[in-house]
């Protein structure tokens, strides 16, 4: 059966995951991770994408990014994937593929849903039992979003900026939110939406996307609506 085109709309964040082929490592040393982040920053500028969060794991990458125009995320991921594979093959004298087919992505909208997704990304090393505190993991946006460590790749999303009055207040609120207990159903829902490439957010967001595209953007209903901890629900109206 033909593959469905990804849902790709300008100005709406996307949760993106790229995995190593057969779940094998795609980073072998810290030098590789530095190279990947350098290429990512250069190519996000070229293709007009703002990165809000990321994590580099041993065999996969998560990104949360918003494109200015349709088609910019696919071009970014294609150029980034090809460039990094060339680097790895040349550096380690290897041949063949590195990535596991196409990357997966899903639209994310609504302040609460977006911050849930960002928290999911930055807690990856904790769930993998690599660290107890996400601030102890170097290869993530968390050191910037929670502690203010300089990271030129990151452009905070308006939902994160709405957490407090100024960057310091936002970081304090974000640290508190990330360290709260996470509902396992929330984690499962984020994984399911990403795996199926369904839009993640309020029902009204999904309905608006379906009306615009003329095709389904996700399941009609996923369980009972759940409350989210207060720090993840910024003041003001939720934005699409």
Protein backbone atom coordinates (compact mmCIF):
# COMPACT_ATOMS: atom_id res chain seq x y z
CA UNK A 1 0.00 0.00 0.00
CA UNK A 2 1.24 3.54 -0.70
CA UNK A 3 2.54 5.47 2.27
CA UNK A 4 0.50 8.41 3.51
CA UNK A 5 2.20 11.76 3.15
CA UNK A 6 3.32 13.17 6.47
CA UNK A 7 1.18 15.90 7.97
CA UNK A 8 3.40 18.93 7.54
CA UNK A 9 2.05 22.43 8.14
CA UNK A 10 3.83 25.77 8.62
CA UNK A 11 4.01 27.28 12.07
CA UNK A 12 3.00 24.09 13.91
CA UNK A 13 5.55 22.18 15.97
CA UNK A 14 6.52 18.62 15.10
CA UNK A 15 7.81 15.83 17.32
CA UNK A 16 10.43 14.00 15.24
CA UNK A 17 12.30 10.77 15.89
CA UNK A 18 15.09 9.25 13.79
CA UNK A 19 16.37 5.80 14.79
CA UNK A 20 19.50 3.88 13.96
CA UNK A 21 19.05 0.95 11.60
CA UNK A 22 17.90 -2.17 13.47
CA UNK A 23 18.14 -0.11 16.68
CA UNK A 24 21.93 -0.08 16.33
CA UNK A 25 24.04 2.87 17.59
CA UNK A 26 24.20 5.99 15.47
CA UNK A 27 26.62 7.82 17.79
CA UNK A 28 29.90 6.21 18.79
CA UNK A 29 31.78 9.03 20.53
CA UNK A 30 31.09 12.50 21.87
CA UNK A 31 32.81 13.88 18.78
CA UNK A 32 30.01 12.34 16.71
CA UNK A 33 27.38 14.05 18.83
CA UNK A 34 29.12 17.41 18.54
CA UNK A 35 29.27 16.98 14.76
CA UNK A 36 25.58 16.07 14.57
CA UNK A 37 24.54 19.13 16.60
CA UNK A 38 26.73 21.41 14.50
CA UNK A 39 25.16 20.09 11.31
CA UNK A 40 21.69 20.32 12.84
CA UNK A 41 22.16 23.98 13.77
CA UNK A 42 23.51 24.90 10.35
CA UNK A 43 20.71 23.12 8.52
CA UNK A 44 17.90 24.45 10.72
CA UNK A 45 19.04 27.96 9.80
CA UNK A 46 19.19 27.03 6.12
CA UNK A 47 15.76 25.39 6.09
CA UNK A 48 13.91 27.78 8.39
CA UNK A 49 13.15 25.47 11.32
CA UNK A 50 13.22 26.48 14.99
CA UNK A 51 14.32 23.73 17.40
CA UNK A 52 12.63 23.90 20.82
CA UNK A 53 13.94 20.67 22.37
CA UNK A 54 16.15 17.70 21.52
CA UNK A 55 17.89 14.68 22.93
CA UNK A 56 20.62 12.53 21.38
CA UNK A 57 20.41 8.97 22.66
CA UNK A 58 22.76 6.16 21.70
CA UNK A 59 20.64 4.82 18.86
CA UNK A 60 18.06 7.52 18.15
CA UNK A 61 17.32 11.23 18.18
CA UNK A 62 14.24 13.18 19.28
CA UNK A 63 13.55 16.73 18.09
CA UNK A 64 10.76 19.22 18.72
CA UNK A 65 10.84 21.79 15.93
CA UNK A 66 8.60 24.26 14.13
CA UNK A 67 9.01 25.02 10.40
CA UNK A 68 8.22 28.41 8.91
CA UNK A 69 6.94 26.84 5.70
CA UNK A 70 5.58 23.52 4.48
CA UNK A 71 8.30 21.11 3.38
CA UNK A 72 11.08 22.53 5.51
CA UNK A 73 11.17 19.67 8.05
CA UNK A 74 11.45 16.95 5.35
CA UNK A 75 14.26 18.86 3.64
CA UNK A 76 16.02 19.40 6.96
CA UNK A 77 15.86 15.72 7.92
CA UNK A 78 16.92 14.55 4.47
CA UNK A 79 19.95 16.83 4.34
CA UNK A 80 20.89 16.15 7.96
CA UNK A 81 20.58 12.39 7.57
CA UNK A 82 22.65 12.25 4.40
CA UNK A 83 25.34 14.56 5.71
CA UNK A 84 25.74 12.67 8.98
CA UNK A 85 25.84 9.27 7.23
CA UNK A 86 28.62 10.52 4.96
CA UNK A 87 30.55 11.72 8.00
CA UNK A 88 30.13 8.38 9.85
CA UNK A 89 31.01 6.27 6.82
CA UNK A 90 34.11 8.34 6.04
CA UNK A 91 35.25 8.62 9.65
CA UNK A 92 34.78 4.94 10.54
CA UNK A 93 35.61 3.48 7.11
CA UNK A 94 32.22 1.84 6.78
CA UNK A 95 29.56 1.58 4.08
CA UNK A 96 25.81 1.21 3.93
CA UNK A 97 22.90 2.74 5.75
CA UNK A 98 22.88 4.14 9.26
CA UNK A 99 19.25 5.16 9.75
CA UNK A 100 16.18 2.95 10.06
CA UNK A 101 14.18 4.05 7.02
CA UNK A 102 12.12 7.23 7.17
CA UNK A 103 12.01 9.37 10.25
CA UNK A 104 8.68 9.56 12.08
CA UNK A 105 6.94 12.78 13.02
CA UNK A 106 3.66 14.11 14.33
CA UNK A 107 2.20 17.58 14.69
CA UNK A 108 1.97 18.94 18.24
CA UNK A 109 -0.24 21.86 19.25
CA UNK A 110 -1.76 23.39 22.36
CA UNK A 111 0.51 24.65 25.14
CA UNK A 112 -0.16 21.72 27.46
CA UNK A 113 0.43 19.07 24.79
CA UNK A 114 3.57 20.78 23.54
CA UNK A 115 5.11 21.01 27.01
CA UNK A 116 4.20 17.40 27.71
CA UNK A 117 6.04 16.45 24.54
CA UNK A 118 9.07 18.57 25.43
CA UNK A 119 9.17 16.98 28.88
CA UNK A 120 8.95 13.52 27.29
CA UNK A 121 11.95 14.33 25.07
CA UNK A 122 14.13 15.72 27.85
CA UNK A 123 13.32 12.83 30.21
CA UNK A 124 14.50 10.18 27.75
CA UNK A 125 17.87 9.66 29.51
CA UNK A 126 16.07 9.27 32.86
CA UNK A 127 13.65 6.66 31.50
CA UNK A 128 16.65 4.84 30.00
CA UNK A 129 18.29 4.89 33.47
CA UNK A 130 21.34 6.67 32.12
CA UNK A 131 20.99 9.48 34.69
CA UNK A 132 18.75 10.21 37.67
CA UNK A 133 18.46 13.92 36.86
CA UNK A 134 18.00 15.13 33.26
CA UNK A 135 20.33 18.04 34.05
CA UNK A 136 23.17 15.51 34.30
CA UNK A 137 22.80 14.47 30.66
CA UNK A 138 24.93 16.58 28.36
CA UNK A 139 23.30 15.76 25.02
CA UNK A 140 19.89 17.31 25.58
CA UNK A 141 18.18 20.68 25.50
CA UNK A 142 17.35 20.35 29.20
CA UNK A 143 20.53 22.02 30.41
CA UNK A 144 19.43 25.12 28.50
CA UNK A 145 15.69 25.07 29.18
CA UNK A 146 16.07 24.28 32.90
CA UNK A 147 19.46 25.73 33.87
CA UNK A 148 20.28 28.37 31.27
CA UNK A 149 23.35 26.62 29.87
CA UNK A 150 24.17 28.34 26.53
CA UNK A 151 22.83 26.41 23.55
CA UNK A 152 22.62 28.33 20.26
CA UNK A 153 20.49 25.58 18.73
CA UNK A 154 17.50 26.20 20.99
CA UNK A 155 14.69 28.67 20.28
CA UNK A 156 12.20 28.35 23.16
CA UNK A 157 8.59 27.82 22.12
CA UNK A 158 6.02 30.46 23.20
CA UNK A 159 4.44 27.83 25.47
CA UNK A 160 7.71 27.59 27.42
CA UNK A 161 8.05 31.39 27.51
CA UNK A 162 4.57 31.60 29.02
CA UNK A 163 5.66 29.60 32.08
CA UNK A 164 6.95 32.70 33.86
CA UNK A 165 7.82 36.37 33.74
CA UNK A 166 11.24 36.26 32.11
CA UNK A 167 13.74 33.47 31.34
CA UNK A 168 14.78 32.81 34.96
CA UNK A 169 11.18 32.32 36.07
CA UNK A 170 10.52 30.07 33.08
CA UNK A 171 13.51 27.91 33.95
CA UNK A 172 12.42 27.55 37.57
CA UNK A 173 8.92 26.55 36.51
CA UNK A 174 10.29 24.14 33.92
CA UNK A 175 12.64 22.44 36.39
CA UNK A 176 9.72 21.90 38.75
CA UNK A 177 7.47 20.58 35.98
CA UNK A 178 10.04 18.14 34.62
CA UNK A 179 10.77 16.67 38.05
CA UNK A 180 7.11 15.97 38.83
CA UNK A 181 5.82 12.42 38.54
CA UNK A 182 4.67 11.69 34.98
CA UNK A 183 1.44 9.82 34.30
CA UNK A 184 2.38 6.62 32.39
CA UNK A 185 -0.71 7.12 30.21
CA UNK A 186 0.74 10.43 29.06
CA UNK A 187 3.98 8.75 28.02
CA UNK A 188 2.08 5.99 26.21
CA UNK A 189 -0.10 8.52 24.38
CA UNK A 190 2.92 10.49 23.13
CA UNK A 191 4.58 7.30 21.90
CA UNK A 192 1.40 6.10 20.19
CA UNK A 193 0.79 9.39 18.39
CA UNK A 194 4.40 9.49 17.19
CA UNK A 195 4.40 5.86 16.07
CA UNK A 196 1.16 6.34 14.10
CA UNK A 197 2.12 9.89 13.06
CA UNK A 198 -1.16 11.26 14.43
CA UNK A 199 -1.56 14.89 15.46
CA UNK A 200 -1.02 15.26 19.22
CA UNK A 201 -3.10 17.92 20.92
CA UNK A 202 -6.66 18.97 21.77
CA UNK A 203 -9.56 17.50 19.80
CA UNK A 204 -10.32 20.89 18.27
CA UNK A 205 -6.78 20.99 16.89
CA UNK A 206 -7.17 17.57 15.28
CA UNK A 207 -10.54 18.52 13.80
CA UNK A 208 -9.09 21.72 12.35
CA UNK A 209 -6.23 19.79 10.74
CA UNK A 210 -8.63 17.21 9.29
CA UNK A 211 -10.85 19.94 7.86
CA UNK A 212 -7.84 21.63 6.28
CA UNK A 213 -6.32 18.47 4.80
CA UNK A 214 -9.45 16.47 4.08
CA UNK A 215 -8.11 13.31 5.71
CA UNK A 216 -7.82 11.83 9.21
CA UNK A 217 -5.16 13.30 11.46
CA UNK A 218 -5.62 10.91 14.38
CA UNK A 219 -7.98 8.64 16.28
CA UNK A 220 -11.37 10.01 17.17
CA UNK A 221 -10.95 9.42 20.87
CA UNK A 222 -8.12 8.28 23.12
CA UNK A 223 -9.40 7.59 26.60
CA UNK A 224 -10.71 10.09 29.11
CA UNK A 225 -9.17 13.57 29.10
CA UNK A 226 -6.50 13.78 31.80
CA UNK A 227 -5.47 16.68 33.94
CA UNK A 228 -1.89 17.85 33.69
CA UNK A 229 0.20 19.31 36.55
CA UNK A 230 -0.30 23.04 36.92
CA UNK A 231 3.25 24.09 35.86
CA UNK A 232 2.61 22.59 32.41
CA UNK A 233 -0.50 24.72 31.89
CA UNK A 234 0.78 28.27 31.22
CA UNK A 235 -1.46 31.27 31.82
CA UNK A 236 -3.56 32.61 28.99
CA UNK A 237 -5.32 30.89 26.16
CA UNK A 238 -3.97 27.72 24.60
CA UNK A 239 -2.49 28.39 21.17
CA UNK A 240 -2.84 26.16 18.13
